[in-house]
């Protein structure tokens, strides 16, 4: 048994997975588990800090909380360091379990103890995001179901107790990795972004960009793509913007950001449709990274035009603010504090936007793109800074679907936006949903595209934080494979049976079909000329005739009539 399997957290994780096999997983169960992980982390982090403050003082934690001076110090430190404050020692999760676990209404006490009592600084984003989780919990579950019905309440109580025994400070199998694995399983009803896709996306971006000031993900999912990008970048990202459209995924993403040490004050999350413009002050992004879900034409077309206008108005608003600041010395705080000034600026921005929709540039043969379900890609590219990069994974159909030929032509020949296309191994993809990675740049310097085929030439390893029963989700691409992809892309190298650099004009020969198999030859074995094949067939046919004639002669000699 390796060290990972001997860790306390790993054993508890296995125990949690085992317990959940006993019950039917529902969305309200998912909310309770997400809340339990948040409560556990917040409780233990704060309690450990408070204990460190009084470590050298002749006073207990209970006594410190009864001391007004200690309370003021606790609260100030908590707001400054953690963004929240738990005002009573009996609200710490371990204390709550010791006092209330045996009571009939424990689940109610568990849900309300933290959500009703935790405090936040005024106008804090921590409060905004935590309240979203608390509100989702309030409206997403039926407490009576777990207090009174059958064995469900006993199982849930046991789960909460088990989660409370996790060690948030363990290094061998970290607390945040336990939550990752829970999200990988069927316990929480979400679809996690695959780690092998996240690793390629983050590798490509960090190899191209030294500045990640403003990063946007229009399809947040479970936030793992942004977290992996931050891990790869190392220095952190100045500000993250993202949109989520599924409530459970959105709640899980908030918890993931928080327990992975992200400052929520530097994260602008929006719960709503990913195709409407994100409400931010910045008008453009350094990086856009995302895993695009399957495209539903009707839904996507309906919202594309709305996003276009919102992007234009956002840019115009920032131009007006910049001009007023530079020309008239208006303080930036005035834009937020003066309602009349804001109304005036918004009206000007709206008038400036009239008649300047980028979609209006789609004329002639490209006019049909105005109704394309993939028009949002153009809107996202338009949201990039001049040196920005967008790396996304999406359905393989984008590369070869006949109805998207005009779109592909526009993105390549007309605008030269596509910089690299990477096919992914079918073995690792979800059934019936093969995916590809496409890299876009707003202002490319070269007139070609790098095609990389990972369908055969790749190696996998098992994740250090693997759990049995999640086989494909435990597999990662080796560093050697990832480095080969990054090298082929950055150096724009043609590597036999792996990558090829294709001039934009050469795409016309394949009617703008961008499937990597059209440009990267991965055939193994010797090629056979048609002439040689024809000769072999004639020789085989001749031999068969000779053999049949010989058999007939033998049958005649034996007097057999067949």
Protein backbone atom coordinates (compact mmCIF):
# COMPACT_ATOMS: atom_id res chain seq x y z
CA UNK A 1 0.00 0.00 0.00
CA UNK A 2 1.43 3.39 -1.01
CA UNK A 3 1.54 6.48 1.19
CA UNK A 4 -1.46 8.04 -0.57
CA UNK A 5 -3.66 5.05 0.23
CA UNK A 6 -2.53 5.14 3.85
CA UNK A 7 -3.52 8.79 4.27
CA UNK A 8 -6.41 9.65 6.55
CA UNK A 9 -8.21 11.69 3.91
CA UNK A 10 -7.96 8.92 1.32
CA UNK A 11 -9.51 6.42 3.69
CA UNK A 12 -12.32 8.83 4.52
CA UNK A 13 -12.91 9.48 0.81
CA UNK A 14 -13.24 5.75 0.17
CA UNK A 15 -15.64 5.57 3.09
CA UNK A 16 -17.76 8.40 1.67
CA UNK A 17 -17.93 6.75 -1.75
CA UNK A 18 -18.91 3.49 -0.12
CA UNK A 19 -21.67 5.07 1.97
CA UNK A 20 -23.26 6.83 -1.01
CA UNK A 21 -23.72 3.55 -2.84
CA UNK A 22 -26.42 2.74 -0.30
CA UNK A 23 -28.76 5.52 -1.39
CA UNK A 24 -30.17 7.11 -4.52
CA UNK A 25 -28.25 10.29 -5.21
CA UNK A 26 -30.47 13.35 -5.63
CA UNK A 27 -29.82 17.05 -6.19
CA UNK A 28 -30.68 17.92 -2.59
CA UNK A 29 -28.06 15.42 -1.46
CA UNK A 30 -25.55 17.20 -3.70
CA UNK A 31 -26.33 20.56 -2.07
CA UNK A 32 -25.84 19.11 1.43
CA UNK A 33 -22.46 17.61 0.54
CA UNK A 34 -21.22 20.85 -1.10
CA UNK A 35 -22.34 22.79 1.97
CA UNK A 36 -20.67 20.27 4.30
CA UNK A 37 -17.30 20.70 2.57
CA UNK A 38 -17.60 24.49 2.73
CA UNK A 39 -18.63 24.44 6.40
CA UNK A 40 -15.82 22.03 7.31
CA UNK A 41 -13.15 24.10 5.59
CA UNK A 42 -14.32 27.46 6.96
CA UNK A 43 -14.72 26.08 10.48
CA UNK A 44 -11.33 24.38 10.74
CA UNK A 45 -9.39 27.21 9.08
CA UNK A 46 -10.81 29.79 11.43
CA UNK A 47 -10.58 27.67 14.57
CA UNK A 48 -6.94 26.80 13.85
CA UNK A 49 -6.10 30.48 13.37
CA UNK A 50 -7.85 31.54 16.58
CA UNK A 51 -6.06 28.81 18.53
CA UNK A 52 -2.72 30.03 17.16
CA UNK A 53 -3.50 33.55 18.40
CA UNK A 54 -4.06 32.41 22.00
CA UNK A 55 -1.43 29.67 21.90
CA UNK A 56 0.93 31.49 24.29
CA UNK A 57 -1.81 33.02 26.42
CA UNK A 58 -3.32 31.54 29.61
CA UNK A 59 -6.83 31.50 28.14
CA UNK A 60 -9.11 28.97 26.47
CA UNK A 61 -10.92 29.53 23.18
CA UNK A 62 -14.29 29.78 24.94
CA UNK A 63 -12.88 32.37 27.33
CA UNK A 64 -11.35 34.33 24.45
CA UNK A 65 -14.73 34.54 22.73
CA UNK A 66 -16.23 35.95 25.90
CA UNK A 67 -13.54 38.64 25.98
CA UNK A 68 -14.60 41.72 23.99
CA UNK A 69 -11.04 42.69 23.08
CA UNK A 70 -10.25 39.18 21.83
CA UNK A 71 -13.50 39.14 19.89
CA UNK A 72 -12.61 42.40 18.14
CA UNK A 73 -9.18 41.03 17.24
CA UNK A 74 -10.67 37.73 16.06
CA UNK A 75 -13.21 39.48 13.85
CA UNK A 76 -10.71 41.95 12.37
CA UNK A 77 -8.22 39.14 11.62
CA UNK A 78 -10.94 36.92 10.17
CA UNK A 79 -12.28 39.60 7.83
CA UNK A 80 -8.77 40.52 6.71
CA UNK A 81 -7.40 36.98 6.26
CA UNK A 82 -10.41 34.85 5.37
CA UNK A 83 -13.23 37.16 4.26
CA UNK A 84 -15.71 35.79 6.81
CA UNK A 85 -16.13 35.41 10.58
CA UNK A 86 -17.70 32.70 12.76
CA UNK A 87 -18.81 34.58 15.89
CA UNK A 88 -19.26 31.76 18.43
CA UNK A 89 -17.09 28.73 19.28
CA UNK A 90 -20.14 26.45 19.46
CA UNK A 91 -20.66 27.10 15.72
CA UNK A 92 -17.43 25.35 14.76
CA UNK A 93 -18.38 22.10 13.05
CA UNK A 94 -16.62 19.76 15.46
CA UNK A 95 -18.25 21.51 18.42
CA UNK A 96 -21.67 21.35 16.74
CA UNK A 97 -21.31 17.61 16.16
CA UNK A 98 -20.21 17.01 19.75
CA UNK A 99 -23.23 18.88 21.09
CA UNK A 100 -26.01 18.21 18.59
CA UNK A 101 -25.25 15.04 16.64
CA UNK A 102 -27.45 12.76 18.75
CA UNK A 103 -30.47 15.08 18.56
CA UNK A 104 -33.40 14.39 16.24
CA UNK A 105 -33.11 17.71 14.41
CA UNK A 106 -29.36 17.58 13.81
CA UNK A 107 -29.64 18.14 10.03
CA UNK A 108 -31.59 21.35 10.63
CA UNK A 109 -29.03 22.51 13.20
CA UNK A 110 -26.20 21.62 10.82
CA UNK A 111 -27.69 23.59 7.92
CA UNK A 112 -28.61 26.70 9.91
CA UNK A 113 -25.65 26.94 12.32
CA UNK A 114 -23.20 28.18 9.69
CA UNK A 115 -25.50 29.69 7.06
CA UNK A 116 -27.47 31.81 9.54
CA UNK A 117 -24.58 33.00 11.71
CA UNK A 118 -21.46 33.50 9.58
CA UNK A 119 -20.59 37.20 9.11
CA UNK A 120 -18.96 39.08 6.23
CA UNK A 121 -17.50 42.55 5.69
CA UNK A 122 -19.89 45.07 4.17
CA UNK A 123 -20.27 44.77 0.37
CA UNK A 124 -18.07 41.67 0.38
CA UNK A 125 -18.04 39.30 -2.58
CA UNK A 126 -17.47 36.51 -0.06
CA UNK A 127 -20.87 37.30 1.39
CA UNK A 128 -22.44 37.43 -2.07
CA UNK A 129 -21.10 34.02 -3.12
CA UNK A 130 -21.69 32.31 0.22
CA UNK A 131 -25.25 33.64 0.31
CA UNK A 132 -25.83 32.15 -3.14
CA UNK A 133 -24.87 28.72 -1.76
CA UNK A 134 -27.00 29.22 1.34
CA UNK A 135 -29.98 30.32 -0.74
CA UNK A 136 -29.53 27.33 -3.07
CA UNK A 137 -29.42 25.07 -0.05
CA UNK A 138 -32.56 26.64 1.38
CA UNK A 139 -34.59 26.27 -1.80
CA UNK A 140 -32.93 23.14 -3.16
CA UNK A 141 -33.55 20.66 -0.37
CA UNK A 142 -36.44 19.33 1.66
CA UNK A 143 -35.10 19.08 5.22
CA UNK A 144 -38.04 16.92 6.28
CA UNK A 145 -36.89 14.30 3.82
CA UNK A 146 -33.68 13.83 5.80
CA UNK A 147 -35.12 14.37 9.27
CA UNK A 148 -38.07 12.02 9.14
CA UNK A 149 -38.18 9.75 6.06
CA UNK A 150 -36.77 6.21 6.25
CA UNK A 151 -33.05 5.73 6.58
CA UNK A 152 -32.09 8.77 4.51
CA UNK A 153 -31.62 11.01 7.53
CA UNK A 154 -29.35 8.45 9.21
CA UNK A 155 -27.19 8.14 6.11
CA UNK A 156 -26.96 11.90 5.67
CA UNK A 157 -26.04 12.38 9.33
CA UNK A 158 -23.36 9.75 8.92
CA UNK A 159 -22.04 11.47 5.78
CA UNK A 160 -21.82 14.82 7.54
CA UNK A 161 -20.00 13.19 10.44
CA UNK A 162 -17.58 11.45 8.05
CA UNK A 163 -16.83 14.68 6.16
CA UNK A 164 -16.19 16.43 9.48
CA UNK A 165 -13.32 14.00 10.16
CA UNK A 166 -11.35 15.08 7.08
CA UNK A 167 -8.06 16.88 7.69
CA UNK A 168 -8.02 20.17 5.76
CA UNK A 169 -4.27 20.53 6.38
CA UNK A 170 -3.16 17.11 5.09
CA UNK A 171 -0.56 17.20 2.29
CA UNK A 172 -0.58 13.59 1.10
CA UNK A 173 -4.18 13.67 -0.11
CA UNK A 174 -5.22 17.34 0.27
CA UNK A 175 -8.71 18.34 1.29
CA UNK A 176 -9.31 20.12 -2.03
CA UNK A 177 -8.40 16.93 -3.90
CA UNK A 178 -10.95 15.00 -1.87
CA UNK A 179 -13.60 17.45 -3.03
CA UNK A 180 -12.31 17.06 -6.60
CA UNK A 181 -12.81 13.31 -6.41
CA UNK A 182 -16.27 13.77 -4.93
CA UNK A 183 -17.13 15.97 -7.92
CA UNK A 184 -15.72 13.27 -10.21
CA UNK A 185 -18.09 10.68 -8.79
CA UNK A 186 -21.86 10.44 -9.10
CA UNK A 187 -22.34 11.91 -5.61
CA UNK A 188 -22.57 15.49 -6.86
CA UNK A 189 -24.71 15.82 -9.96
CA UNK A 190 -22.21 17.71 -12.15
CA UNK A 191 -20.04 17.03 -15.17
CA UNK A 192 -16.43 17.81 -14.35
CA UNK A 193 -14.03 19.17 -16.96
CA UNK A 194 -11.58 16.31 -17.70
CA UNK A 195 -8.11 16.82 -16.24
CA UNK A 196 -6.33 15.82 -19.46
CA UNK A 197 -8.17 18.57 -21.36
CA UNK A 198 -7.47 21.13 -18.65
CA UNK A 199 -3.77 20.28 -18.66
CA UNK A 200 -3.46 20.86 -22.43
CA UNK A 201 -5.48 24.09 -22.33
CA UNK A 202 -3.41 25.51 -19.47
CA UNK A 203 -0.13 24.33 -21.04
CA UNK A 204 -0.91 26.08 -24.32
CA UNK A 205 -1.94 29.34 -22.64
CA UNK A 206 0.99 29.56 -20.21
CA UNK A 207 3.43 28.83 -23.03
CA UNK A 208 2.05 31.75 -25.02
CA UNK A 209 1.21 34.36 -22.40
CA UNK A 210 3.33 35.98 -19.70
CA UNK A 211 0.48 38.21 -18.54
CA UNK A 212 -2.82 36.80 -17.32
CA UNK A 213 -4.40 39.92 -15.90
CA UNK A 214 -7.96 39.27 -17.07
CA UNK A 215 -9.11 35.70 -17.72
CA UNK A 216 -12.63 34.74 -18.77
CA UNK A 217 -14.50 31.42 -18.87
CA UNK A 218 -18.01 31.74 -20.34
CA UNK A 219 -18.87 28.14 -19.38
CA UNK A 220 -17.60 27.81 -15.82
CA UNK A 221 -18.72 24.21 -15.19
CA UNK A 222 -16.91 23.10 -12.01
CA UNK A 223 -14.12 25.75 -12.33
CA UNK A 224 -11.42 23.08 -12.75
CA UNK A 225 -10.12 24.61 -16.01
CA UNK A 226 -9.44 27.95 -14.32
CA UNK A 227 -7.95 26.30 -11.24
CA UNK A 228 -5.59 24.21 -13.39
CA UNK A 229 -4.59 27.33 -15.34
CA UNK A 230 -3.78 29.13 -12.09
CA UNK A 231 -1.70 26.17 -10.88
CA UNK A 232 0.23 26.07 -14.15
CA UNK A 233 0.78 29.82 -14.24
CA UNK A 234 2.17 29.85 -10.72
CA UNK A 235 2.10 33.61 -10.19
CA UNK A 236 -1.67 33.73 -10.02
CA UNK A 237 -4.13 35.60 -12.19
CA UNK A 238 -5.06 39.19 -11.44
CA UNK A 239 -8.77 38.81 -12.07
CA UNK A 240 -11.04 35.97 -13.13
CA UNK A 241 -14.40 36.36 -14.83
CA UNK A 242 -16.77 33.46 -15.40
CA UNK A 243 -20.38 32.55 -16.00
CA UNK A 244 -22.23 29.48 -14.81
CA UNK A 245 -25.69 28.32 -15.84
CA UNK A 246 -26.21 25.23 -13.66
CA UNK A 247 -26.89 25.96 -9.98
CA UNK A 248 -25.18 22.90 -8.50
CA UNK A 249 -22.09 23.33 -10.69
CA UNK A 250 -22.00 27.01 -9.80
CA UNK A 251 -22.10 26.24 -6.05
CA UNK A 252 -19.41 23.57 -6.43
CA UNK A 253 -17.25 26.03 -8.40
CA UNK A 254 -17.48 28.65 -5.65
CA UNK A 255 -16.37 26.08 -3.06
CA UNK A 256 -13.54 24.90 -5.31
CA UNK A 257 -12.20 28.40 -5.77
CA UNK A 258 -12.39 29.04 -2.05
CA UNK A 259 -10.70 25.86 -0.81
CA UNK A 260 -8.00 26.25 -3.48
CA UNK A 261 -6.94 29.56 -1.88
CA UNK A 262 -8.43 31.94 -4.44
CA UNK A 263 -9.33 35.40 -3.17
CA UNK A 264 -13.02 35.66 -4.01
CA UNK A 265 -12.73 39.45 -4.10
CA UNK A 266 -10.72 39.01 -7.33
CA UNK A 267 -13.23 36.71 -8.96
CA UNK A 268 -16.29 38.01 -10.81
CA UNK A 269 -18.77 35.18 -11.13
CA UNK A 270 -22.15 35.51 -12.74
CA UNK A 271 -24.96 32.97 -12.51
CA UNK A 272 -26.87 33.12 -15.76
CA UNK A 273 -26.78 32.26 -19.42
CA UNK A 274 -23.17 32.04 -20.66
CA UNK A 275 -24.05 33.63 -23.99
CA UNK A 276 -25.13 36.95 -22.54
CA UNK A 277 -22.34 39.44 -21.94
CA UNK A 278 -20.63 39.28 -18.55
CA UNK A 279 -21.16 42.43 -16.47
CA UNK A 280 -17.60 43.67 -15.95
CA UNK A 281 -15.72 46.94 -16.09
CA UNK A 282 -12.99 45.62 -18.39
CA UNK A 283 -13.90 45.53 -22.07
CA UNK A 284 -11.38 42.92 -23.22
CA UNK A 285 -9.59 39.82 -21.91
CA UNK A 286 -6.04 38.53 -22.07
CA UNK A 287 -7.24 34.93 -22.10
CA UNK A 288 -10.47 33.06 -22.70
CA UNK A 289 -10.44 29.40 -21.70
CA UNK A 290 -13.40 27.05 -21.63
CA UNK A 291 -14.87 23.68 -22.39
CA UNK A 292 -17.87 24.39 -24.61
CA UNK A 293 -20.88 22.11 -24.03
CA UNK A 294 -22.80 20.53 -26.91
CA UNK A 295 -24.34 23.25 -29.05
CA UNK A 296 -28.13 23.62 -29.18
CA UNK A 297 -28.80 25.76 -32.27
CA UNK A 298 -32.07 27.41 -31.19
CA UNK A 299 -30.78 28.38 -27.76
CA UNK A 300 -27.48 29.75 -29.02
CA UNK A 301 -28.90 31.73 -31.94
CA UNK A 302 -31.49 33.47 -29.76
CA UNK A 303 -28.88 35.04 -27.49
CA UNK A 304 -26.03 35.85 -29.88
CA UNK A 305 -27.42 39.22 -30.96
CA UNK A 306 -27.94 40.26 -27.33
CA UNK A 307 -24.33 39.49 -26.54
CA UNK A 308 -23.10 41.51 -29.52
CA UNK A 309 -24.82 44.69 -28.36
CA UNK A 310 -23.75 44.23 -24.73
CA UNK A 311 -20.09 43.87 -25.74
CA UNK A 312 -20.25 47.05 -27.84
CA UNK A 313 -21.95 49.08 -25.09
CA UNK A 314 -19.42 47.84 -22.53
CA UNK A 315 -16.49 48.96 -24.70
CA UNK A 316 -18.07 52.33 -25.44
CA UNK A 317 -18.79 52.92 -21.74
CA UNK A 318 -15.12 52.38 -20.89
CA UNK A 319 -14.02 54.72 -23.69
CA UNK A 320 -16.30 57.48 -22.36
CA UNK A 321 -15.09 57.00 -18.77
CA UNK A 322 -11.47 57.11 -19.91
CA UNK A 323 -12.06 60.30 -21.91
CA UNK A 324 -13.83 62.03 -18.99
CA UNK A 325 -11.05 61.07 -16.59
CA UNK A 326 -8.27 62.28 -18.87
CA UNK A 327 -9.93 65.44 -20.22
CA UNK A 328 -11.88 66.68 -17.19
CA UNK A 329 -10.10 65.01 -14.29
CA UNK A 330 -13.20 63.20 -13.07
CA UNK A 331 -12.33 60.80 -10.28
CA UNK A 332 -13.03 57.15 -11.10
CA UNK A 333 -15.06 56.72 -7.89
CA UNK A 334 -17.55 59.25 -9.23
CA UNK A 335 -18.60 56.78 -11.92
CA UNK A 336 -19.84 54.40 -9.26
CA UNK A 337 -21.25 56.96 -6.83
CA UNK A 338 -23.03 59.41 -9.15
CA UNK A 339 -26.28 57.86 -10.49
CA UNK A 340 -26.99 60.74 -12.89
CA UNK A 341 -23.51 60.51 -14.40
CA UNK A 342 -23.94 56.77 -14.84
CA UNK A 343 -27.25 57.19 -16.64
CA UNK A 344 -25.71 59.77 -18.98
CA UNK A 345 -22.74 57.53 -19.78
CA UNK A 346 -25.01 54.53 -20.41
CA UNK A 347 -27.19 56.55 -22.79
CA UNK A 348 -24.14 57.73 -24.72
CA UNK A 349 -22.77 54.20 -24.90
CA UNK A 350 -26.11 52.92 -26.19
CA UNK A 351 -26.24 55.59 -28.93
CA UNK A 352 -22.64 54.89 -29.93
CA UNK A 353 -23.47 51.18 -30.19
CA UNK A 354 -26.39 51.77 -32.53
CA UNK A 355 -25.52 50.55 -36.00
CA UNK A 356 -22.10 49.28 -34.98
CA UNK A 357 -22.84 45.63 -34.42
CA UNK A 358 -19.87 43.47 -35.58
CA UNK A 359 -22.41 41.09 -37.06
CA UNK A 360 -23.20 43.78 -39.64
CA UNK A 361 -19.75 43.09 -41.11
CA UNK A 362 -21.00 39.64 -42.13
CA UNK A 363 -22.03 40.37 -45.69
CA UNK A 364 -22.13 38.48 -48.97
CA UNK A 365 -21.53 34.76 -48.57
CA UNK A 366 -20.92 35.26 -44.83
CA UNK A 367 -24.31 36.81 -44.14
CA UNK A 368 -25.68 33.34 -43.29
CA UNK A 369 -23.43 33.35 -40.22
CA UNK A 370 -25.74 35.86 -38.54
CA UNK A 371 -28.02 32.91 -37.76
CA UNK A 372 -25.25 30.43 -36.91
CA UNK A 373 -25.34 28.69 -33.55
CA UNK A 374 -21.57 29.24 -33.41
CA UNK A 375 -21.76 33.01 -33.78
CA UNK A 376 -20.88 33.27 -30.07
CA UNK A 377 -17.31 32.24 -31.02
CA UNK A 378 -16.94 35.47 -33.00
CA UNK A 379 -18.29 37.42 -30.03
CA UNK A 380 -15.75 35.79 -27.71
CA UNK A 381 -12.88 36.50 -30.11
CA UNK A 382 -14.09 40.10 -30.33
CA UNK A 383 -13.76 40.25 -26.51
CA UNK A 384 -10.03 39.45 -26.63
CA UNK A 385 -7.32 42.06 -26.34
CA UNK A 386 -5.25 42.58 -29.49
CA UNK A 387 -2.65 40.07 -28.25
CA UNK A 388 -5.23 37.84 -26.57
CA UNK A 389 -5.60 34.08 -26.94
CA UNK A 390 -8.62 31.80 -26.65
CA UNK A 391 -8.17 28.06 -26.06
CA UNK A 392 -11.34 26.00 -25.93
CA UNK A 393 -12.44 22.40 -26.28
CA UNK A 394 -15.61 21.65 -28.19
CA UNK A 395 -17.35 18.95 -30.16
CA UNK A 396 -15.42 17.40 -33.03
CA UNK A 397 -18.35 18.20 -35.32
CA UNK A 398 -17.14 21.79 -35.46
CA UNK A 399 -14.27 20.62 -37.70
CA UNK A 400 -16.22 18.72 -40.33
CA UNK A 401 -19.94 19.47 -40.11
CA UNK A 402 -21.06 20.47 -43.63
CA UNK A 403 -23.35 23.24 -42.38
CA UNK A 404 -20.37 24.95 -40.72
CA UNK A 405 -18.18 25.14 -43.84
CA UNK A 406 -18.84 28.86 -44.33
CA UNK A 407 -18.05 29.57 -40.68
CA UNK A 408 -14.75 27.68 -40.93
CA UNK A 409 -13.90 29.58 -44.10
CA UNK A 410 -14.61 32.88 -42.36
CA UNK A 411 -12.49 31.96 -39.31
CA UNK A 412 -9.56 30.88 -41.49
CA UNK A 413 -9.31 32.53 -44.92
CA UNK A 414 -11.28 35.68 -44.12
CA UNK A 415 -10.10 36.46 -40.57
CA UNK A 416 -7.16 34.11 -39.90
CA UNK A 417 -8.31 33.52 -36.32
CA UNK A 418 -7.57 29.80 -35.90
CA UNK A 419 -4.00 29.11 -34.81
CA UNK A 420 -3.99 25.44 -33.78
CA UNK A 421 -6.27 22.39 -33.77
CA UNK A 422 -5.61 19.37 -31.55
CA UNK A 423 -7.55 16.12 -31.79
CA UNK A 424 -7.93 14.23 -28.51
CA UNK A 425 -7.72 10.48 -27.82
CA UNK A 426 -11.06 8.71 -28.24
CA UNK A 427 -10.10 6.43 -25.36
CA UNK A 428 -10.31 9.33 -22.92
CA UNK A 429 -13.35 11.07 -24.39
CA UNK A 430 -16.87 10.63 -23.14
CA UNK A 431 -18.91 8.12 -25.19
CA UNK A 432 -20.54 9.75 -28.22
CA UNK A 433 -18.82 13.06 -27.52
CA UNK A 434 -15.35 13.17 -29.11
CA UNK A 435 -13.73 16.55 -28.50
CA UNK A 436 -11.04 18.74 -30.04
CA UNK A 437 -9.07 21.70 -28.78
CA UNK A 438 -9.03 24.83 -30.93
CA UNK A 439 -6.75 27.79 -30.29
CA UNK A 440 -7.80 31.22 -31.58
CA UNK A 441 -5.75 34.41 -31.79
CA UNK A 442 -7.13 37.83 -32.60
CA UNK A 443 -4.03 39.05 -34.43
CA UNK A 444 -1.95 36.19 -35.82
CA UNK A 445 1.45 36.75 -37.37
CA UNK A 446 1.44 33.60 -39.52
CA UNK A 447 -0.85 32.45 -42.32
CA UNK A 448 -0.99 28.81 -41.32
CA UNK A 449 -2.54 26.43 -38.79
CA UNK A 450 -0.81 23.81 -36.65
CA UNK A 451 -2.67 20.48 -36.71
CA UNK A 452 -1.81 18.01 -33.92
CA UNK A 453 -3.21 14.48 -33.83
CA UNK A 454 -3.25 12.87 -30.39
CA UNK A 455 -5.48 9.98 -31.45
CA UNK A 456 -2.61 7.46 -31.44
CA UNK A 457 0.66 9.05 -30.36
CA UNK A 458 0.09 9.64 -26.65
CA UNK A 459 0.84 8.09 -23.27
CA UNK A 460 -1.21 8.17 -20.09
CA UNK A 461 -0.50 7.83 -16.41
CA UNK A 462 -2.79 7.33 -13.46
CA UNK A 463 -3.50 10.43 -11.41
CA UNK A 464 -1.72 10.59 -8.07
CA UNK A 465 -5.14 11.31 -6.61
CA UNK A 466 -6.88 8.44 -8.37
CA UNK A 467 -9.78 6.49 -6.93
CA UNK A 468 -10.81 3.02 -8.08
CA UNK A 469 -14.07 2.98 -10.02
CA UNK A 470 -13.28 6.22 -11.86
CA UNK A 471 -10.88 4.64 -14.38
CA UNK A 472 -10.95 7.08 -17.31
CA UNK A 473 -11.25 10.03 -14.99
CA UNK A 474 -8.09 8.86 -13.26
CA UNK A 475 -6.02 8.96 -16.46
CA UNK A 476 -3.80 11.90 -17.33
CA UNK A 477 -1.55 12.57 -20.29
CA UNK A 478 2.10 12.15 -19.38
CA UNK A 479 4.33 15.20 -19.16
CA UNK A 480 6.22 13.85 -22.17
CA UNK A 481 3.04 13.89 -24.26
CA UNK A 482 2.03 17.35 -23.06
CA UNK A 483 5.52 18.73 -23.74
CA UNK A 484 5.43 17.27 -27.25
CA UNK A 485 2.12 19.03 -27.94
CA UNK A 486 3.41 22.37 -26.62
CA UNK A 487 6.67 22.01 -28.58
CA UNK A 488 4.89 21.23 -31.86
CA UNK A 489 2.59 24.21 -31.36
CA UNK A 490 5.08 26.81 -30.17
CA UNK A 491 7.78 25.85 -32.69
CA UNK A 492 5.17 25.20 -35.43
CA UNK A 493 6.86 21.89 -36.17
CA UNK A 494 5.84 19.13 -38.55
CA UNK A 495 6.43 15.84 -36.76
CA UNK A 496 5.86 12.53 -38.55
CA UNK A 497 2.45 11.01 -37.67
CA UNK A 498 1.89 13.66 -34.99
CA UNK A 499 1.69 17.22 -36.33
CA UNK A 500 1.62 19.26 -39.51
CA UNK A 501 1.73 22.97 -40.34
CA UNK A 502 -0.74 23.76 -43.10
CA UNK A 503 -1.00 27.02 -45.06
CA UNK A 504 -4.42 28.68 -44.89
CA UNK A 505 -4.81 28.56 -48.67
CA UNK A 506 -4.34 24.78 -48.66
CA UNK A 507 -7.57 24.35 -46.70
CA UNK A 508 -9.57 25.07 -49.85
CA UNK A 509 -8.55 21.68 -51.28
CA UNK A 510 -10.52 19.97 -48.50
CA UNK A 511 -13.47 22.38 -48.69
CA UNK A 512 -12.44 23.81 -45.31
CA UNK A 513 -12.84 20.51 -43.53
CA UNK A 514 -10.51 20.96 -40.54
CA UNK A 515 -10.38 17.35 -39.30
CA UNK A 516 -6.81 16.58 -38.28
CA UNK A 517 -6.93 13.28 -40.15
CA UNK A 518 -7.03 15.30 -43.39
CA UNK A 519 -3.69 16.94 -42.60
CA UNK A 520 -1.78 14.58 -40.29
CA UNK A 521 -1.04 11.14 -41.71
CA UNK A 522 -1.08 8.61 -38.85
CA UNK A 523 -1.22 5.48 -41.03
CA UNK A 524 0.93 2.64 -39.71
CA UNK A 525 2.35 0.08 -42.16
CA UNK A 526 3.41 -0.08 -45.80
CA UNK A 527 1.38 1.49 -48.56
CA UNK A 528 0.27 -0.86 -51.37
CA UNK A 529 0.04 0.43 -54.92
CA UNK A 530 -3.22 -0.32 -56.74
CA UNK A 531 -1.27 -1.88 -59.61
CA UNK A 532 0.45 -4.29 -57.21
CA UNK A 533 -2.91 -5.15 -55.64
CA UNK A 534 -4.37 -5.87 -59.07
CA UNK A 535 -1.49 -8.18 -59.96
CA UNK A 536 -1.83 -10.05 -56.66
CA UNK A 537 -5.54 -10.57 -57.29
CA UNK A 538 -4.92 -11.91 -60.79
CA UNK A 539 -2.27 -14.29 -59.46
CA UNK A 540 -4.59 -15.59 -56.74
CA UNK A 541 -7.41 -16.06 -59.26
CA UNK A 542 -5.07 -18.03 -61.56
CA UNK A 543 -3.91 -20.27 -58.72
CA UNK A 544 -7.50 -20.98 -57.70
CA UNK A 545 -8.33 -22.04 -61.28
CA UNK A 546 -5.30 -24.38 -61.40
CA UNK A 547 -6.23 -25.88 -58.02
CA UNK A 548 -9.85 -26.47 -59.08
CA UNK A 549 -8.67 -28.17 -62.28
CA UNK A 550 -6.34 -30.45 -60.31
CA UNK A 551 -9.15 -31.37 -57.89
CA UNK A 552 -11.46 -32.22 -60.83
CA UNK A 553 -8.81 -34.56 -62.30
CA UNK A 554 -8.37 -36.34 -58.97
CA UNK A 555 -12.14 -36.78 -58.63
CA UNK A 556 -12.29 -38.33 -62.16
CA UNK A 557 -9.48 -40.77 -61.34
CA UNK A 558 -11.38 -41.91 -58.25
CA UNK A 559 -14.66 -42.17 -60.12
CA UNK A 560 -16.36 -39.71 -57.89
CA UNK A 561 -19.14 -37.68 -59.39
CA UNK A 562 -19.62 -34.52 -57.37
